[in-house]
Each structure stands twice: as C-alpha cells, then as structure tokens.
Protein backbone atom coordinates (compact mmCIF):
# COMPACT_ATOMS: atom_id res chain seq x y z
CA UNK A 1 -71.21 51.37 134.15
CA UNK A 2 -70.46 54.81 132.72
CA UNK A 3 -66.95 55.45 131.47
CA UNK A 4 -67.30 59.20 131.01
CA UNK A 5 -65.09 61.73 132.77
CA UNK A 6 -67.82 63.19 134.97
CA UNK A 7 -66.86 62.90 138.59
CA UNK A 8 -68.93 63.64 141.70
CA UNK A 9 -67.65 66.05 144.36
CA UNK A 10 -65.22 64.36 146.74
CA UNK A 11 -66.80 63.07 149.95
CA UNK A 12 -66.01 64.72 153.24
CA UNK A 13 -63.26 62.71 154.91
CA UNK A 14 -61.75 62.99 158.36
CA UNK A 15 -58.60 61.54 159.92
CA UNK A 16 -59.04 58.28 161.81
CA UNK A 17 -58.66 58.22 165.57
CA UNK A 18 -55.47 56.94 167.15
CA UNK A 19 -54.96 53.31 168.16
CA UNK A 20 -51.65 53.56 170.07
CA UNK A 21 -49.69 52.15 167.13
CA UNK A 22 -46.59 54.02 168.31
CA UNK A 23 -47.13 53.78 172.06
CA UNK A 24 -43.94 54.62 174.00
CA UNK A 25 -41.98 55.17 170.77
CA UNK A 26 -39.70 58.21 170.36
CA UNK A 27 -40.06 59.74 166.90
CA UNK A 28 -38.05 62.47 165.15
CA UNK A 29 -39.80 64.33 162.32
CA UNK A 30 -37.76 66.78 160.23
CA UNK A 31 -39.24 69.77 158.40
CA UNK A 32 -42.27 69.60 160.68
CA UNK A 33 -43.09 73.32 161.01
CA UNK A 34 -46.03 74.72 159.07
CA UNK A 35 -48.98 72.89 157.54
CA UNK A 36 -47.43 70.17 155.39
CA UNK A 37 -46.74 66.45 155.62
CA UNK A 38 -44.20 66.89 158.43
CA UNK A 39 -46.56 68.72 160.73
CA UNK A 40 -49.36 66.26 160.04
CA UNK A 41 -47.03 63.32 160.63
CA UNK A 42 -45.96 64.74 163.97
CA UNK A 43 -49.60 65.22 164.95
CA UNK A 44 -50.53 61.67 163.94
CA UNK A 45 -47.51 60.28 165.83
CA UNK A 46 -48.71 62.00 168.99
CA UNK A 47 -52.23 60.66 168.43
CA UNK A 48 -50.72 57.17 168.15
CA UNK A 49 -49.02 57.48 171.54
CA UNK A 50 -45.49 58.54 170.57
CA UNK A 51 -43.15 61.06 172.11
CA UNK A 52 -42.13 63.38 169.30
CA UNK A 53 -39.15 65.56 168.46
CA UNK A 54 -40.05 68.04 165.72
CA UNK A 55 -37.38 69.87 163.80
CA UNK A 56 -37.18 72.60 161.18
CA UNK A 57 -34.73 75.18 159.86
CA UNK A 58 -37.25 77.98 160.61
CA UNK A 59 -36.96 78.50 164.37
CA UNK A 60 -39.95 80.83 164.81
CA UNK A 61 -42.30 78.53 162.92
CA UNK A 62 -40.85 75.57 164.80
CA UNK A 63 -41.64 77.20 168.15
CA UNK A 64 -45.20 77.89 166.97
CA UNK A 65 -45.54 74.27 165.83
CA UNK A 66 -44.35 72.92 169.19
CA UNK A 67 -46.86 75.14 170.97
CA UNK A 68 -49.67 73.98 168.69
CA UNK A 69 -48.77 70.30 169.02
CA UNK A 70 -48.13 70.28 172.74
CA UNK A 71 -51.28 72.06 173.91
CA UNK A 72 -51.39 71.39 177.64
CA UNK A 73 -49.01 68.41 177.43
CA UNK A 74 -45.42 69.50 176.83
CA UNK A 75 -43.99 66.20 178.09
CA UNK A 76 -44.57 64.44 174.78
CA UNK A 77 -43.21 66.92 172.23
CA UNK A 78 -40.09 69.07 171.95
CA UNK A 79 -38.57 71.11 169.15
CA UNK A 80 -34.93 71.18 168.08
CA UNK A 81 -33.93 73.53 165.22
CA UNK A 82 -32.08 71.81 162.39
CA UNK A 83 -30.95 72.76 158.90
CA UNK A 84 -30.45 69.40 157.19
CA UNK A 85 -27.80 70.89 154.90
CA UNK A 86 -25.54 71.30 157.95
CA UNK A 87 -23.99 68.18 159.46
CA UNK A 88 -23.49 69.80 162.87
CA UNK A 89 -27.23 70.61 163.02
CA UNK A 90 -28.16 67.04 162.15
CA UNK A 91 -25.87 65.57 164.80
CA UNK A 92 -27.23 68.06 167.35
CA UNK A 93 -30.80 67.01 166.50
CA UNK A 94 -30.25 63.30 167.06
CA UNK A 95 -28.04 63.78 170.10
CA UNK A 96 -30.59 66.18 171.60
CA UNK A 97 -33.45 63.77 171.02
CA UNK A 98 -31.55 60.94 172.70
CA UNK A 99 -30.51 63.15 175.60
CA UNK A 100 -34.08 64.27 176.24
CA UNK A 101 -36.00 61.01 175.72
CA UNK A 102 -33.25 58.42 176.18
CA UNK A 103 -33.53 56.82 172.73
CA UNK A 104 -34.83 57.31 169.18
CA UNK A 105 -37.09 54.60 167.79
CA UNK A 106 -38.25 56.23 164.54
CA UNK A 107 -36.78 58.88 162.25
CA UNK A 108 -39.05 60.44 159.65
CA UNK A 109 -36.84 62.25 157.15
CA UNK A 110 -39.32 64.65 155.62
CA UNK A 111 -37.15 67.64 154.65
CA UNK A 112 -37.21 68.47 150.96
CA UNK A 113 -37.16 71.42 148.58
CA UNK A 114 -39.02 71.79 145.30
CA UNK A 115 -39.28 74.38 142.58
CA UNK A 116 -39.95 74.60 138.87
CA UNK A 117 -37.38 75.32 136.15
CA UNK A 118 -36.85 73.93 132.68
CA UNK A 119 -33.65 71.95 132.44
CA UNK A 120 -32.26 74.21 129.70
CA UNK A 121 -32.79 77.24 131.93
CA UNK A 122 -31.89 75.71 135.29
CA UNK A 123 -28.85 77.16 137.02
CA UNK A 124 -26.23 75.17 138.90
CA UNK A 125 -27.37 76.94 142.05
CA UNK A 126 -30.99 75.80 141.59
CA UNK A 127 -29.91 72.23 140.87
CA UNK A 128 -27.48 71.98 143.77
CA UNK A 129 -29.79 73.63 146.31
CA UNK A 130 -32.62 71.15 145.66
CA UNK A 131 -30.26 68.18 145.78
CA UNK A 132 -28.54 69.41 148.95
CA UNK A 133 -31.78 69.73 150.90
CA UNK A 134 -33.74 66.86 149.42
CA UNK A 135 -31.15 64.15 148.79
CA UNK A 136 -28.06 65.13 150.80
CA UNK A 137 -30.23 66.17 153.76
CA UNK A 138 -31.95 62.78 153.73
CA UNK A 139 -28.54 61.11 153.55
CA UNK A 140 -27.23 63.06 156.55
CA UNK A 141 -30.31 62.26 158.63
CA UNK A 142 -30.34 58.61 157.59
CA UNK A 143 -26.67 58.28 158.50
CA UNK A 144 -27.20 59.89 161.91
CA UNK A 145 -30.25 57.72 162.59
CA UNK A 146 -28.45 54.52 161.64
CA UNK A 147 -25.48 55.39 163.84
CA UNK A 148 -27.75 55.92 166.83
CA UNK A 149 -30.13 53.05 166.12
CA UNK A 150 -27.30 50.65 165.36
CA UNK A 151 -25.98 51.18 168.89
CA UNK A 152 -29.51 50.51 170.21
CA UNK A 153 -29.93 47.39 168.09
CA UNK A 154 -33.27 48.52 166.65
CA UNK A 155 -35.00 51.37 164.86
CA UNK A 156 -37.14 52.45 161.94
CA UNK A 157 -36.43 55.09 159.28
CA UNK A 158 -39.10 56.47 156.96
CA UNK A 159 -37.96 58.73 154.14
CA UNK A 160 -40.18 61.06 152.14
CA UNK A 161 -39.69 60.53 148.42
CA UNK A 162 -42.10 61.29 145.55
CA UNK A 163 -43.73 59.59 142.60
CA UNK A 164 -41.54 61.90 140.51
CA UNK A 165 -38.71 59.55 141.38
CA UNK A 166 -40.47 57.22 138.90
CA UNK A 167 -42.40 59.58 136.61
CA UNK A 168 -41.34 62.41 134.33
CA UNK A 169 -42.72 65.93 134.71
CA UNK A 170 -41.46 69.03 132.87
CA UNK A 171 -39.66 71.57 135.04
CA UNK A 172 -38.88 69.05 137.78
CA UNK A 173 -35.54 67.55 136.73
CA UNK A 174 -33.73 68.58 139.93
CA UNK A 175 -36.55 67.47 142.23
CA UNK A 176 -37.15 64.21 140.36
CA UNK A 177 -33.44 63.37 140.39
CA UNK A 178 -33.25 64.08 144.12
CA UNK A 179 -36.33 61.99 144.93
CA UNK A 180 -35.11 59.10 142.77
CA UNK A 181 -31.89 59.34 144.75
CA UNK A 182 -33.88 59.11 147.99
CA UNK A 183 -35.44 55.89 146.70
CA UNK A 184 -32.03 54.37 145.92
CA UNK A 185 -30.63 55.59 149.25
CA UNK A 186 -33.59 53.98 151.05
CA UNK A 187 -32.99 50.59 149.44
CA UNK A 188 -29.24 50.68 150.12
CA UNK A 189 -29.73 51.80 153.72
CA UNK A 190 -32.24 48.98 154.23
CA UNK A 191 -29.67 46.42 153.07
CA UNK A 192 -27.09 47.81 155.49
CA UNK A 193 -29.59 48.29 158.29
CA UNK A 194 -31.07 44.80 158.36
CA UNK A 195 -28.16 43.18 160.27
CA UNK A 196 -28.43 46.05 162.79
CA UNK A 197 -32.15 45.58 163.43
CA UNK A 198 -33.03 48.73 161.46
CA UNK A 199 -35.84 48.91 158.90
CA UNK A 200 -35.74 51.63 156.21
CA UNK A 201 -38.66 52.43 153.91
CA UNK A 202 -40.04 55.45 152.06
CA UNK A 203 -43.33 56.98 151.04
CA UNK A 204 -43.77 58.43 147.57
CA UNK A 205 -46.71 60.86 147.47
CA UNK A 206 -48.07 62.08 144.15
CA UNK A 207 -49.95 65.25 145.12
CA UNK A 208 -50.44 66.26 148.75
CA UNK A 209 -52.69 69.23 149.41
CA UNK A 210 -51.61 72.02 151.74
CA UNK A 211 -52.13 75.81 151.80
CA UNK A 212 -48.71 76.68 150.36
CA UNK A 213 -48.66 74.14 147.53
CA UNK A 214 -48.93 76.84 144.86
CA UNK A 215 -45.66 78.41 145.99
CA UNK A 216 -43.87 75.63 144.14
CA UNK A 217 -46.52 74.73 141.53
CA UNK A 218 -48.83 77.04 139.60
CA UNK A 219 -52.58 76.82 140.13
CA UNK A 220 -52.98 75.67 136.52
CA UNK A 221 -50.51 72.81 137.00
CA UNK A 222 -52.13 71.83 140.30
CA UNK A 223 -55.48 71.53 138.50
CA UNK A 224 -53.89 69.25 135.90
CA UNK A 225 -52.29 67.09 138.58
CA UNK A 226 -55.57 66.78 140.49
CA UNK A 227 -57.32 65.63 137.32
CA UNK A 228 -54.76 62.84 136.87
CA UNK A 229 -55.75 61.32 140.20
CA UNK A 230 -58.52 58.74 140.21
CA UNK A 231 -60.32 60.67 142.97
CA UNK A 232 -59.73 63.96 141.10
CA UNK A 233 -58.10 65.46 144.18
CA UNK A 234 -54.77 65.44 145.90
CA UNK A 235 -54.19 63.53 149.12
CA UNK A 236 -54.79 65.28 152.39
CA UNK A 237 -51.49 65.57 154.24
CA UNK A 238 -52.81 63.30 157.01
CA UNK A 239 -53.51 60.62 154.40
CA UNK A 240 -49.79 60.61 153.60
CA UNK A 241 -49.00 60.70 157.32
CA UNK A 242 -51.14 57.58 157.84
CA UNK A 243 -48.85 55.60 155.54
CA UNK A 244 -45.82 56.95 157.41
CA UNK A 245 -47.44 55.75 160.66
CA UNK A 246 -47.94 52.28 159.17
CA UNK A 247 -44.29 52.07 158.10
CA UNK A 248 -43.13 53.34 161.50
CA UNK A 249 -45.27 50.84 163.39
CA UNK A 250 -44.89 47.14 164.12
CA UNK A 251 -47.62 46.44 161.54
CA UNK A 252 -44.91 46.75 158.87
CA UNK A 253 -42.37 44.59 160.72
CA UNK A 254 -41.42 42.62 157.58
CA UNK A 255 -41.11 45.63 155.26
CA UNK A 256 -37.72 47.13 154.51
CA UNK A 257 -36.26 48.66 151.37
CA UNK A 258 -39.77 49.37 150.08
CA UNK A 259 -41.11 52.53 148.43
CA UNK A 260 -44.86 52.91 149.06
CA UNK A 261 -46.69 55.07 146.53
CA UNK A 262 -49.31 57.30 148.18
CA UNK A 263 -51.18 57.93 144.99
CA UNK A 264 -54.37 57.30 143.07
CA UNK A 265 -52.92 58.12 139.67
CA UNK A 266 -54.17 56.12 136.75
CA UNK A 267 -51.72 54.98 134.02
C-alpha cells in the first residue's frame, strides 16, 4: 500500500434520497437563506417528510429561499424573519412556528458568524459581534426551544458548532471561543432537557464547501484546510445536513449532550 501524498480526484457524489425520517415533524432552521448548511438542512428536512420553518435576518434572501424550497407545495414550508441577536425576534420565530403548525418538534440552531483577525489586532467590536451571533444567538434559540418543547413534553435541538471548538487555528480566536461555548451550552442544555423529554446535540463541521466560503477565509487558507482532510476536500453542505437529520430523527433517540464531528481530518 502506497503511503505517498498523491490523491485521486474526488468521486462524484450525490445526496441520498429521502426515507421519511422526519415524517410529520415540524422543524425550525435558523440562518437558512442562501446556499450554506442551513439551506441544505431545510431542503433535506423537507425531503425527509418534515414541515419546515426557515428563518434568516436577511428578509429578501429568506423570501427567495422559501420560494425555492416550496416550489409548488407551500403547505410544508414558511419563512419567518429573525435576527438571533434580538430576543423579540427569537420569541416571534418560535411563537409564529407554533401558531402556524401547532407545535415545534425540532430546532436546528444554525446561525453563526465568522471572520479572520489576529488576536492582537482584534477589536472589541469584532469579538463581541461574533460571540453575540454565534454563541448568544444559539443560547437565545435554545432557551426559546426548550421553553416551548418543555410544555409539549418532547423535542429535539441540534446546534451547529465547529471543530474549531476543539482545535486551534490562527485568526479564529473569537469564532473558536464562540463554538466551544456552543459545545458547552449543548451539554448543559441536554442535562436540563432530559427530564423534560428534550434531546440536545450538536454537529461540529470542519470544512463545509459553499460558494461564499472565501468571504470569511482566503482561497489560500481554504486550500490548506482541504489538504488536511483525508478526502482532500471539504464536506458538501448536504453531507453536514445528513448528520443533522440523523440527530433530529428517532434513529438517535439515545443521544443527548453529544457533539458529532463532521470531519475527515487526520491527526
């Protein structure tokens, strides 16, 4: 067996078909507008039989996303604008979802904000903005979900963290601190949610490919990150969404307080 660094081109891969893993479930997905993990998660939820509430702070892009997701079937997807840094918006999102569909079975807290800045050059504003969206926003949505699901006696929460919550990377102190906080929040929420019938887990992607990735990371750094992966590529966003679907479904009925790495990074 060769141990050199040559690597063949990645095979063509396609998303799996749906198997009704979330049939009749009502799912909220935050930060779902655009082409990232949130949008792909919403699409996969629909393919698995769920009714979906998509949310985003960008109202125009949200409306476009709802139109794209709904196609000719608007009964299974609605959009509710929400800025996760605003408590009133978060409460409006969860109340609106319950009013429209009658309940909320799954909350996917996907909203997050990245950026690159060396710690010695990072401003308070940069630090606080990333933490407010990524960590505080996840806290607000987790709290709202647990309040609603606790009254129902059941529910599932899936948070979006990152492998940077475990691993160091220059220029990512604010993002790494926020994502590590999401991991700790997930475990604590799981401990509090268990007596209420609520499971709380998180995914931790390493590198997820989407068209706007280089807005937060330079092309040179993306190439380095791809080379660190065993498959020498980042995950497709639907590959991350598949793990979210697993955690949201009854197939993960015994899992709570877990952080699932969506990664092929070698040591």
